[in-house]
Structure formats: C-alpha cells, structure tokens
C-alpha cells in the first residue's frame, strides 16, 4: 500500500469556499446557469461547488478569478485548502470533554477502548477501516490515540472505569503478538490507582447494555454527560433523564461484571494461554 497521504479536503472549508464563489458570482450579476454556460460546465457542477460538495479545481479557480475580478481570492483559497480533519467534527466535542473530565466510565463490546489500546493494537484497528487508510493516515490517527491515553497518567488523577465484554479479550486483532501485548498492557493498567477495569463474562446470558457501547463523563463543573457512537456519527447526550438511563445501565454492568481482582485473574489466565 502506498505511504503517500491521500489529500482529501476539509468539508467545512469547501462549503466556505463555495459560498464565497456564490457571492462573487451574484455580485457579477450571473446565475449558476450563466456561469456554467460561459465556462462550458454543467449547471449541476457549479451548484455542487457552491454547496461544498465538489472541490474547486485550481485551473478553474484561476479562470473564475479572472472572470469575476476577485483579485486571486479563489486561487489562494484553493491553494491553502486544509486537508480533512483527522478527528471527525462529530467527535471533537467529546474528545475535548474527555480530556478535562473529572470522572469517566466506559462500556465497550467491540474492541479494547481507545484509551487502553497499545500503539500496535490501535494501528490494527485503523488498518481495519473501510475506506482503507494509507500508512500515513494510520500513523497520524495512532499518534492522536496515544496522546489521548495521557489522561490516565495525569495528576491529579481522575476516576476512570471500564467494563469490557469478554469477547473483546479473545479476538486476536492484529495477530498473536499484538494480541498478547495488548492483554499484557491491560494487565499493567489494572495496577494504576484510580483506574478500574472489569470484564463482563461470557457466563452471563444477558446484561443491560445490549444496545451497544457508551461513555459517561463528569465535567469540571459537575455536569453529567453521555456519549454514544454509530458507524458514521456520534451523539453527545446532555439531557439529564437520558444520561441517567445510561448511568443506571452502567451501574448494573459493574454489578454483574467480574470485580477488578477477578478481572486481573482472567487476564493472567489469558496471558498464560497465549
């Protein structure tokens, strides 16, 4: 796979540039159809650029600057268009909240939570994404994930709790070596003060979080929030009644899960088997 980074443009910047083009066009007294006809384009192409759905190419930007007398504004904007954010816009607020949280509680049933991942495990997670990431993107995302982990070592320490479905521990994501190193890392983390890791064992025939993973946060001003993710988006929940429902579920999860000492024992057994 090529290590050259794919250049994808930031969607917000594309929308801003599109609105600028629309304003310049209107100031020149032209409709989208007029501009399309003059530049031998489809009217839909002009509309897509102005709506930020299609990138403005450098050569077209140059021609538009000349026609609309915009003193090179469009060309300069295209040349300095930022690449797509490594962190999706829908996750930014959560990551900000995570860094400042007084307390954090997380239930995960698919993979080891990001805050607990080793570098190689994180790379394996990102390498599994579709569309496929190139090597530079995987490394950049992995580095960001490692930076996030620093909150586990921060002073003063916060209260951090994780419940993992046992299946997460058995999937050899990244291969045997990566899997074993990840289990060993989890085992070492169980010794950190203020951090609790518990496993929801296979032996339970049901539990209260079958709807999926979620995170609970307490902010420095003691606001309680919840966060959930889907395949292509996320939801930061502020409504107290909705947060309360997830908090109740998490409390029940911790009651049903192995306690921290038994979780250490499970990790020791798994490490002895790998």
C-alpha atoms as a PDB file:
ATOM      1  CA  UNK A   1       0.000   0.000   0.000  1.00  0.00           C
ATOM      2  CA  UNK A   2       1.321   3.449  -0.830  1.00  0.00           C
ATOM      3  CA  UNK A   3       2.617   5.577   2.040  1.00  0.00           C
ATOM      4  CA  UNK A   4       1.647   8.781   0.267  1.00  0.00           C
ATOM      5  CA  UNK A   5      -1.128  10.559   2.111  1.00  0.00           C
ATOM      6  CA  UNK A   6      -4.397  10.962   0.222  1.00  0.00           C
ATOM      7  CA  UNK A   7      -5.355  14.609   0.016  1.00  0.00           C
ATOM      8  CA  UNK A   8      -8.976  14.970   0.998  1.00  0.00           C
ATOM      9  CA  UNK A   9     -10.255  18.449   1.611  1.00  0.00           C
ATOM     10  CA  UNK A  10     -11.919  19.698   4.765  1.00  0.00           C
ATOM     11  CA  UNK A  11     -15.690  19.734   4.221  1.00  0.00           C
ATOM     12  CA  UNK A  12     -16.251  22.922   6.224  1.00  0.00           C
ATOM     13  CA  UNK A  13     -13.587  24.788   4.226  1.00  0.00           C
ATOM     14  CA  UNK A  14     -15.118  23.551   0.967  1.00  0.00           C
ATOM     15  CA  UNK A  15     -18.512  24.923   1.997  1.00  0.00           C
ATOM     16  CA  UNK A  16     -16.951  28.274   2.898  1.00  0.00           C
ATOM     17  CA  UNK A  17     -15.175  28.486  -0.457  1.00  0.00           C
ATOM     18  CA  UNK A  18     -18.395  27.549  -2.227  1.00  0.00           C
ATOM     19  CA  UNK A  19     -20.301  30.334  -0.507  1.00  0.00           C
ATOM     20  CA  UNK A  20     -17.569  32.793  -1.480  1.00  0.00           C
ATOM     21  CA  UNK A  21     -17.868  31.746  -5.111  1.00  0.00           C
ATOM     22  CA  UNK A  22     -21.643  32.147  -4.963  1.00  0.00           C
ATOM     23  CA  UNK A  23     -21.276  35.659  -3.526  1.00  0.00           C
ATOM     24  CA  UNK A  24     -18.734  36.672  -6.190  1.00  0.00           C
ATOM     25  CA  UNK A  25     -20.986  35.256  -8.927  1.00  0.00           C
ATOM     26  CA  UNK A  26     -24.023  37.107  -7.645  1.00  0.00           C
ATOM     27  CA  UNK A  27     -22.040  40.348  -7.373  1.00  0.00           C
ATOM     28  CA  UNK A  28     -21.164  39.935 -11.066  1.00  0.00           C
ATOM     29  CA  UNK A  29     -24.856  39.600 -11.902  1.00  0.00           C
ATOM     30  CA  UNK A  30     -24.578  35.987 -13.072  1.00  0.00           C
ATOM     31  CA  UNK A  31     -26.778  32.986 -12.393  1.00  0.00           C
ATOM     32  CA  UNK A  32     -25.410  29.488 -11.932  1.00  0.00           C
ATOM     33  CA  UNK A  33     -26.646  28.699 -15.432  1.00  0.00           C
ATOM     34  CA  UNK A  34     -24.877  31.766 -16.854  1.00  0.00           C
ATOM     35  CA  UNK A  35     -21.586  30.744 -15.256  1.00  0.00           C
ATOM     36  CA  UNK A  36     -21.955  27.133 -16.332  1.00  0.00           C
ATOM     37  CA  UNK A  37     -22.644  28.125 -19.951  1.00  0.00           C
ATOM     38  CA  UNK A  38     -19.746  30.563 -20.090  1.00  0.00           C
ATOM     39  CA  UNK A  39     -17.258  28.012 -18.715  1.00  0.00           C
ATOM     40  CA  UNK A  40     -18.702  25.021 -20.573  1.00  0.00           C
ATOM     41  CA  UNK A  41     -19.749  23.303 -17.346  1.00  0.00           C
ATOM     42  CA  UNK A  42     -22.904  21.520 -16.263  1.00  0.00           C
ATOM     43  CA  UNK A  43     -25.127  23.724 -14.143  1.00  0.00           C
ATOM     44  CA  UNK A  44     -25.109  20.977 -11.509  1.00  0.00           C
ATOM     45  CA  UNK A  45     -21.292  21.239 -11.352  1.00  0.00           C
ATOM     46  CA  UNK A  46     -21.491  24.911 -10.440  1.00  0.00           C
ATOM     47  CA  UNK A  47     -24.199  24.184  -7.879  1.00  0.00           C
ATOM     48  CA  UNK A  48     -22.146  21.367  -6.329  1.00  0.00           C
ATOM     49  CA  UNK A  49     -19.063  23.574  -5.978  1.00  0.00           C
ATOM     50  CA  UNK A  50     -21.084  26.362  -4.380  1.00  0.00           C
ATOM     51  CA  UNK A  51     -22.671  23.905  -1.955  1.00  0.00           C
ATOM     52  CA  UNK A  52     -19.263  22.498  -0.951  1.00  0.00           C
ATOM     53  CA  UNK A  53     -19.996  19.048  -2.359  1.00  0.00           C
ATOM     54  CA  UNK A  54     -17.427  19.223  -5.174  1.00  0.00           C
ATOM     55  CA  UNK A  55     -13.875  20.640  -4.901  1.00  0.00           C
ATOM     56  CA  UNK A  56     -12.943  23.692  -6.935  1.00  0.00           C
ATOM     57  CA  UNK A  57     -10.003  22.755  -9.180  1.00  0.00           C
ATOM     58  CA  UNK A  58      -7.013  25.145  -9.352  1.00  0.00           C
ATOM     59  CA  UNK A  59      -7.291  25.809 -13.095  1.00  0.00           C
ATOM     60  CA  UNK A  60     -10.989  26.633 -12.825  1.00  0.00           C
ATOM     61  CA  UNK A  61     -10.284  28.840  -9.804  1.00  0.00           C
ATOM     62  CA  UNK A  62      -7.786  30.833 -11.884  1.00  0.00           C
ATOM     63  CA  UNK A  63     -10.304  31.322 -14.698  1.00  0.00           C
ATOM     64  CA  UNK A  64     -13.063  32.308 -12.281  1.00  0.00           C
ATOM     65  CA  UNK A  65     -10.798  34.856 -10.579  1.00  0.00           C
ATOM     66  CA  UNK A  66     -10.126  36.450 -13.960  1.00  0.00           C
ATOM     67  CA  UNK A  67     -13.804  36.486 -14.982  1.00  0.00           C
ATOM     68  CA  UNK A  68     -15.210  37.641 -11.638  1.00  0.00           C
ATOM     69  CA  UNK A  69     -12.350  40.118 -10.918  1.00  0.00           C
ATOM     70  CA  UNK A  70     -11.731  38.610  -7.481  1.00  0.00           C
ATOM     71  CA  UNK A  71      -8.019  39.509  -7.338  1.00  0.00           C
ATOM     72  CA  UNK A  72      -6.901  35.877  -6.986  1.00  0.00           C
ATOM     73  CA  UNK A  73      -9.054  35.192  -3.909  1.00  0.00           C
ATOM     74  CA  UNK A  74     -10.378  31.868  -5.156  1.00  0.00           C
ATOM     75  CA  UNK A  75      -6.968  30.603  -6.297  1.00  0.00           C
ATOM     76  CA  UNK A  76      -5.373  31.460  -2.964  1.00  0.00           C
ATOM     77  CA  UNK A  77      -8.200  29.707  -1.103  1.00  0.00           C
ATOM     78  CA  UNK A  78      -7.805  26.559  -3.206  1.00  0.00           C
ATOM     79  CA  UNK A  79      -4.019  26.513  -2.721  1.00  0.00           C
ATOM     80  CA  UNK A  80      -4.401  26.780   1.050  1.00  0.00           C
ATOM     81  CA  UNK A  81      -7.371  24.481   1.489  1.00  0.00           C
ATOM     82  CA  UNK A  82      -6.753  22.423   4.661  1.00  0.00           C
ATOM     83  CA  UNK A  83      -6.767  18.647   4.489  1.00  0.00           C
ATOM     84  CA  UNK A  84      -9.636  16.817   6.083  1.00  0.00           C
ATOM     85  CA  UNK A  85      -9.566  16.835   9.887  1.00  0.00           C
ATOM     86  CA  UNK A  86      -8.085  13.660  11.354  1.00  0.00           C
ATOM     87  CA  UNK A  87     -10.765  13.866  14.025  1.00  0.00           C
ATOM     88  CA  UNK A  88     -14.302  13.918  12.594  1.00  0.00           C
ATOM     89  CA  UNK A  89     -16.260  17.037  13.525  1.00  0.00           C
ATOM     90  CA  UNK A  90     -18.838  14.904  15.312  1.00  0.00           C
ATOM     91  CA  UNK A  91     -16.196  13.568  17.727  1.00  0.00           C
ATOM     92  CA  UNK A  92     -14.355  16.805  18.524  1.00  0.00           C
ATOM     93  CA  UNK A  93     -16.558  17.957  21.417  1.00  0.00           C
ATOM     94  CA  UNK A  94     -16.415  14.559  23.077  1.00  0.00           C
ATOM     95  CA  UNK A  95     -12.604  14.437  22.870  1.00  0.00           C
ATOM     96  CA  UNK A  96     -12.404  17.901  24.416  1.00  0.00           C
ATOM     97  CA  UNK A  97     -14.723  16.809  27.221  1.00  0.00           C
ATOM     98  CA  UNK A  98     -12.770  13.597  27.715  1.00  0.00           C
ATOM     99  CA  UNK A  99      -9.509  15.466  28.319  1.00  0.00           C
ATOM    100  CA  UNK A 100     -10.983  17.638  31.075  1.00  0.00           C
ATOM    101  CA  UNK A 101     -13.362  15.116  32.688  1.00  0.00           C
ATOM    102  CA  UNK A 102     -13.264  14.599  36.441  1.00  0.00           C
ATOM    103  CA  UNK A 103     -14.641  11.101  36.008  1.00  0.00           C
ATOM    104  CA  UNK A 104     -15.035   8.792  33.034  1.00  0.00           C
ATOM    105  CA  UNK A 105     -16.843   5.465  32.698  1.00  0.00           C
ATOM    106  CA  UNK A 106     -16.834   3.388  29.512  1.00  0.00           C
ATOM    107  CA  UNK A 107     -18.534   0.201  28.329  1.00  0.00           C
ATOM    108  CA  UNK A 108     -17.126  -1.447  25.189  1.00  0.00           C
ATOM    109  CA  UNK A 109     -18.252  -4.590  23.389  1.00  0.00           C
ATOM    110  CA  UNK A 110     -16.326  -4.494  20.073  1.00  0.00           C
ATOM    111  CA  UNK A 111     -12.682  -3.561  20.667  1.00  0.00           C
ATOM    112  CA  UNK A 112     -10.456  -2.502  23.534  1.00  0.00           C
ATOM    113  CA  UNK A 113     -11.372   1.130  24.351  1.00  0.00           C
ATOM    114  CA  UNK A 114      -9.102   3.685  22.679  1.00  0.00           C
ATOM    115  CA  UNK A 115      -7.701   4.933  25.989  1.00  0.00           C
ATOM    116  CA  UNK A 116      -6.488   1.409  26.792  1.00  0.00           C
ATOM    117  CA  UNK A 117      -5.016   0.466  23.415  1.00  0.00           C
ATOM    118  CA  UNK A 118      -1.371  -0.188  22.659  1.00  0.00           C
ATOM    119  CA  UNK A 119       0.123   1.505  19.604  1.00  0.00           C
ATOM    120  CA  UNK A 120       0.143  -1.720  17.566  1.00  0.00           C
ATOM    121  CA  UNK A 121      -3.416  -2.576  18.544  1.00  0.00           C
ATOM    122  CA  UNK A 122      -4.541   0.931  17.539  1.00  0.00           C
ATOM    123  CA  UNK A 123      -2.790   0.503  14.185  1.00  0.00           C
ATOM    124  CA  UNK A 124      -4.647  -2.784  13.674  1.00  0.00           C
ATOM    125  CA  UNK A 125      -7.956  -1.059  14.441  1.00  0.00           C
ATOM    126  CA  UNK A 126      -7.304   1.740  11.946  1.00  0.00           C
ATOM    127  CA  UNK A 127      -5.983  -0.711   9.350  1.00  0.00           C
ATOM    128  CA  UNK A 128      -9.362  -2.471   9.502  1.00  0.00           C
ATOM    129  CA  UNK A 129     -11.277   0.658   8.442  1.00  0.00           C
ATOM    130  CA  UNK A 130     -13.149   0.940   5.150  1.00  0.00           C
ATOM    131  CA  UNK A 131     -12.391   3.014   3.076  1.00  0.00           C
ATOM    132  CA  UNK A 132      -8.811   1.819   3.543  1.00  0.00           C
ATOM    133  CA  UNK A 133      -6.398   4.264   5.197  1.00  0.00           C
ATOM    134  CA  UNK A 134      -2.877   4.649   3.872  1.00  0.00           C
ATOM    135  CA  UNK A 135       0.140   4.251   6.158  1.00  0.00           C
ATOM    136  CA  UNK A 136       0.495   7.966   6.881  1.00  0.00           C
ATOM    137  CA  UNK A 137      -3.142   8.244   7.940  1.00  0.00           C
ATOM    138  CA  UNK A 138      -2.873   5.184  10.176  1.00  0.00           C
ATOM    139  CA  UNK A 139       0.237   6.580  11.872  1.00  0.00           C
ATOM    140  CA  UNK A 140      -1.347  10.008  12.369  1.00  0.00           C
ATOM    141  CA  UNK A 141      -4.502   8.501  13.880  1.00  0.00           C
ATOM    142  CA  UNK A 142      -2.446   6.192  16.085  1.00  0.00           C
ATOM    143  CA  UNK A 143      -0.368   9.094  17.397  1.00  0.00           C
ATOM    144  CA  UNK A 144      -3.513  11.020  18.288  1.00  0.00           C
ATOM    145  CA  UNK A 145      -4.847   7.996  20.132  1.00  0.00           C
ATOM    146  CA  UNK A 146      -1.606   7.651  22.108  1.00  0.00           C
ATOM    147  CA  UNK A 147      -1.798  11.322  23.087  1.00  0.00           C
ATOM    148  CA  UNK A 148      -5.319  10.734  24.421  1.00  0.00           C
ATOM    149  CA  UNK A 149      -4.002   7.997  26.708  1.00  0.00           C
ATOM    150  CA  UNK A 150      -2.040  10.530  28.743  1.00  0.00           C
ATOM    151  CA  UNK A 151      -5.130  11.379  30.774  1.00  0.00           C
ATOM    152  CA  UNK A 152      -4.726   8.009  32.511  1.00  0.00           C
ATOM    153  CA  UNK A 153      -1.377   9.209  33.904  1.00  0.00           C
ATOM    154  CA  UNK A 154      -2.465  12.773  34.652  1.00  0.00           C
ATOM    155  CA  UNK A 155      -2.110  14.460  38.032  1.00  0.00           C
ATOM    156  CA  UNK A 156      -4.340  14.964  39.924  1.00  0.00           C
ATOM    157  CA  UNK A 157      -5.757  11.601  38.927  1.00  0.00           C
ATOM    158  CA  UNK A 158      -9.355  11.304  37.844  1.00  0.00           C
ATOM    159  CA  UNK A 159     -11.740   8.449  38.456  1.00  0.00           C
ATOM    160  CA  UNK A 160     -11.746   6.156  35.403  1.00  0.00           C
ATOM    161  CA  UNK A 161     -13.722   2.949  34.996  1.00  0.00           C
ATOM    162  CA  UNK A 162     -14.029   0.482  32.105  1.00  0.00           C
ATOM    163  CA  UNK A 163     -16.278  -2.515  31.570  1.00  0.00           C
ATOM    164  CA  UNK A 164     -15.359  -4.738  28.609  1.00  0.00           C
ATOM    165  CA  UNK A 165     -17.343  -7.622  27.225  1.00  0.00           C
ATOM    166  CA  UNK A 166     -15.135 -10.719  27.483  1.00  0.00           C
ATOM    167  CA  UNK A 167     -15.235 -11.288  23.707  1.00  0.00           C
ATOM    168  CA  UNK A 168     -13.050  -8.189  23.282  1.00  0.00           C
ATOM    169  CA  UNK A 169     -10.229 -10.002  25.095  1.00  0.00           C
ATOM    170  CA  UNK A 170     -10.364 -13.090  22.894  1.00  0.00           C
ATOM    171  CA  UNK A 171     -10.267 -11.521  19.425  1.00  0.00           C
ATOM    172  CA  UNK A 172      -6.604 -11.623  18.251  1.00  0.00           C
ATOM    173  CA  UNK A 173      -6.831  -8.312  16.407  1.00  0.00           C
ATOM    174  CA  UNK A 174      -3.530  -7.585  14.689  1.00  0.00           C
ATOM    175  CA  UNK A 175      -2.253 -11.117  15.203  1.00  0.00           C
ATOM    176  CA  UNK A 176      -0.961 -13.180  18.129  1.00  0.00           C
ATOM    177  CA  UNK A 177       1.927 -10.877  19.089  1.00  0.00           C
ATOM    178  CA  UNK A 178      -0.228  -7.717  19.076  1.00  0.00           C
ATOM    179  CA  UNK A 179      -2.996  -9.532  20.952  1.00  0.00           C
ATOM    180  CA  UNK A 180      -0.675 -10.735  23.711  1.00  0.00           C
ATOM    181  CA  UNK A 181       0.949  -7.315  24.099  1.00  0.00           C
ATOM    182  CA  UNK A 182      -2.498  -5.738  24.385  1.00  0.00           C
ATOM    183  CA  UNK A 183      -3.546  -8.188  27.105  1.00  0.00           C
ATOM    184  CA  UNK A 184      -0.300  -7.515  28.965  1.00  0.00           C
ATOM    185  CA  UNK A 185      -0.915  -3.779  28.703  1.00  0.00           C
ATOM    186  CA  UNK A 186      -4.418  -4.175  30.123  1.00  0.00           C
ATOM    187  CA  UNK A 187      -2.994  -6.234  32.976  1.00  0.00           C
ATOM    188  CA  UNK A 188      -0.475  -3.495  33.800  1.00  0.00           C
ATOM    189  CA  UNK A 189      -3.193  -0.845  33.722  1.00  0.00           C
ATOM    190  CA  UNK A 190      -5.186  -2.701  36.370  1.00  0.00           C
ATOM    191  CA  UNK A 191      -2.484  -1.658  38.844  1.00  0.00           C
ATOM    192  CA  UNK A 192      -2.972   2.079  38.272  1.00  0.00           C
ATOM    193  CA  UNK A 193      -4.623   3.951  41.161  1.00  0.00           C
ATOM    194  CA  UNK A 194      -7.990   5.458  40.307  1.00  0.00           C
ATOM    195  CA  UNK A 195      -8.494   3.176  37.306  1.00  0.00           C
ATOM    196  CA  UNK A 196     -10.791   0.140  37.350  1.00  0.00           C
ATOM    197  CA  UNK A 197     -11.091  -2.445  34.587  1.00  0.00           C
ATOM    198  CA  UNK A 198     -13.838  -5.064  34.800  1.00  0.00           C
ATOM    199  CA  UNK A 199     -14.860  -7.788  32.369  1.00  0.00           C
ATOM    200  CA  UNK A 200     -18.443  -8.791  31.596  1.00  0.00           C
ATOM    201  CA  UNK A 201     -18.000 -12.579  31.365  1.00  0.00           C
ATOM    202  CA  UNK A 202     -19.469 -14.974  28.819  1.00  0.00           C
ATOM    203  CA  UNK A 203     -21.278 -16.745  31.645  1.00  0.00           C
ATOM    204  CA  UNK A 204     -23.996 -14.078  31.797  1.00  0.00           C
ATOM    205  CA  UNK A 205     -26.848 -14.936  29.455  1.00  0.00           C
ATOM    206  CA  UNK A 206     -27.926 -11.276  29.300  1.00  0.00           C
ATOM    207  CA  UNK A 207     -26.957  -7.841  30.556  1.00  0.00           C
ATOM    208  CA  UNK A 208     -28.381  -4.280  30.433  1.00  0.00           C
ATOM    209  CA  UNK A 209     -26.141  -2.851  27.671  1.00  0.00           C
ATOM    210  CA  UNK A 210     -27.068  -4.985  24.686  1.00  0.00           C
ATOM    211  CA  UNK A 211     -27.756  -1.774  22.732  1.00  0.00           C
ATOM    212  CA  UNK A 212     -24.014  -1.160  22.457  1.00  0.00           C
ATOM    213  CA  UNK A 213     -21.047   0.796  23.767  1.00  0.00           C
ATOM    214  CA  UNK A 214     -21.263   4.146  25.565  1.00  0.00           C
ATOM    215  CA  UNK A 215     -19.236   6.530  27.713  1.00  0.00           C
ATOM    216  CA  UNK A 216     -20.245   8.578  30.761  1.00  0.00           C
ATOM    217  CA  UNK A 217     -18.421  11.797  31.696  1.00  0.00           C
ATOM    218  CA  UNK A 218     -18.450  14.225  34.604  1.00  0.00           C
ATOM    219  CA  UNK A 219     -17.213  17.704  33.663  1.00  0.00           C
ATOM    220  CA  UNK A 220     -15.202  20.052  35.942  1.00  0.00           C
ATOM    221  CA  UNK A 221     -18.451  21.900  36.739  1.00  0.00           C
ATOM    222  CA  UNK A 222     -20.062  18.563  37.677  1.00  0.00           C
ATOM    223  CA  UNK A 223     -22.271  18.272  34.624  1.00  0.00           C
ATOM    224  CA  UNK A 224     -23.006  14.672  33.693  1.00  0.00           C
ATOM    225  CA  UNK A 225     -22.857  13.736  30.009  1.00  0.00           C
ATOM    226  CA  UNK A 226     -23.032  10.572  27.936  1.00  0.00           C
ATOM    227  CA  UNK A 227     -21.558   9.712  24.546  1.00  0.00           C
ATOM    228  CA  UNK A 228     -22.523   7.072  22.010  1.00  0.00           C
ATOM    229  CA  UNK A 229     -21.192   6.267  18.547  1.00  0.00           C
ATOM    230  CA  UNK A 230     -22.662   4.725  15.432  1.00  0.00           C
ATOM    231  CA  UNK A 231     -20.891   3.632  12.243  1.00  0.00           C
ATOM    232  CA  UNK A 232     -20.806   7.169  10.799  1.00  0.00           C
ATOM    233  CA  UNK A 233     -21.593   9.554  13.610  1.00  0.00           C
ATOM    234  CA  UNK A 234     -21.984  10.097  17.317  1.00  0.00           C
ATOM    235  CA  UNK A 235     -24.213  11.654  19.922  1.00  0.00           C
ATOM    236  CA  UNK A 236     -23.087  13.668  22.936  1.00  0.00           C
ATOM    237  CA  UNK A 237     -26.034  13.465  25.310  1.00  0.00           C
ATOM    238  CA  UNK A 238     -26.775  16.344  27.658  1.00  0.00           C
ATOM    239  CA  UNK A 239     -30.386  15.629  28.720  1.00  0.00           C
ATOM    240  CA  UNK A 240     -30.279  14.563  32.406  1.00  0.00           C
ATOM    241  CA  UNK A 241     -33.005  11.929  32.004  1.00  0.00           C
ATOM    242  CA  UNK A 242     -31.182  10.256  29.101  1.00  0.00           C
ATOM    243  CA  UNK A 243     -27.825  10.376  30.880  1.00  0.00           C
ATOM    244  CA  UNK A 244     -29.496   8.886  33.942  1.00  0.00           C
ATOM    245  CA  UNK A 245     -30.702   5.865  31.944  1.00  0.00           C
ATOM    246  CA  UNK A 246     -27.183   5.092  30.771  1.00  0.00           C
ATOM    247  CA  UNK A 247     -25.766   5.700  34.243  1.00  0.00           C
ATOM    248  CA  UNK A 248     -28.229   3.154  35.637  1.00  0.00           C
ATOM    249  CA  UNK A 249     -27.180   0.661  32.984  1.00  0.00           C
ATOM    250  CA  UNK A 250     -23.508   1.194  33.776  1.00  0.00           C
ATOM    251  CA  UNK A 251     -24.120   0.716  37.489  1.00  0.00           C
ATOM    252  CA  UNK A 252     -25.810  -2.613  36.738  1.00  0.00           C
ATOM    253  CA  UNK A 253     -22.973  -3.594  34.380  1.00  0.00           C
ATOM    254  CA  UNK A 254     -20.424  -3.081  37.139  1.00  0.00           C
ATOM    255  CA  UNK A 255     -22.515  -5.189  39.499  1.00  0.00           C
ATOM    256  CA  UNK A 256     -22.700  -8.067  37.003  1.00  0.00           C
ATOM    257  CA  UNK A 257     -19.101  -7.848  35.745  1.00  0.00           C
ATOM    258  CA  UNK A 258     -16.107  -9.529  37.334  1.00  0.00           C
ATOM    259  CA  UNK A 259     -14.640  -7.346  40.054  1.00  0.00           C
ATOM    260  CA  UNK A 260     -11.195  -5.800  39.415  1.00  0.00           C
ATOM    261  CA  UNK A 261      -9.355  -8.593  41.239  1.00  0.00           C
ATOM    262  CA  UNK A 262     -11.150 -11.335  39.311  1.00  0.00           C
ATOM    263  CA  UNK A 263     -10.510  -9.394  36.094  1.00  0.00           C
ATOM    264  CA  UNK A 264      -6.777  -9.455  36.875  1.00  0.00           C
ATOM    265  CA  UNK A 265      -7.048 -13.182  37.366  1.00  0.00           C
ATOM    266  CA  UNK A 266      -8.786 -13.611  33.999  1.00  0.00           C
ATOM    267  CA  UNK A 267      -6.091 -11.561  32.255  1.00  0.00           C
ATOM    268  CA  UNK A 268      -3.383 -13.631  33.945  1.00  0.00           C
ATOM    269  CA  UNK A 269      -5.029 -16.842  32.726  1.00  0.00           C
ATOM    270  CA  UNK A 270      -5.376 -15.495  29.201  1.00  0.00           C
ATOM    271  CA  UNK A 271      -1.733 -14.419  29.165  1.00  0.00           C
ATOM    272  CA  UNK A 272      -0.776 -17.900  30.286  1.00  0.00           C
ATOM    273  CA  UNK A 273      -2.669 -19.374  27.344  1.00  0.00           C
ATOM    274  CA  UNK A 274      -1.309 -17.077  24.592  1.00  0.00           C
END
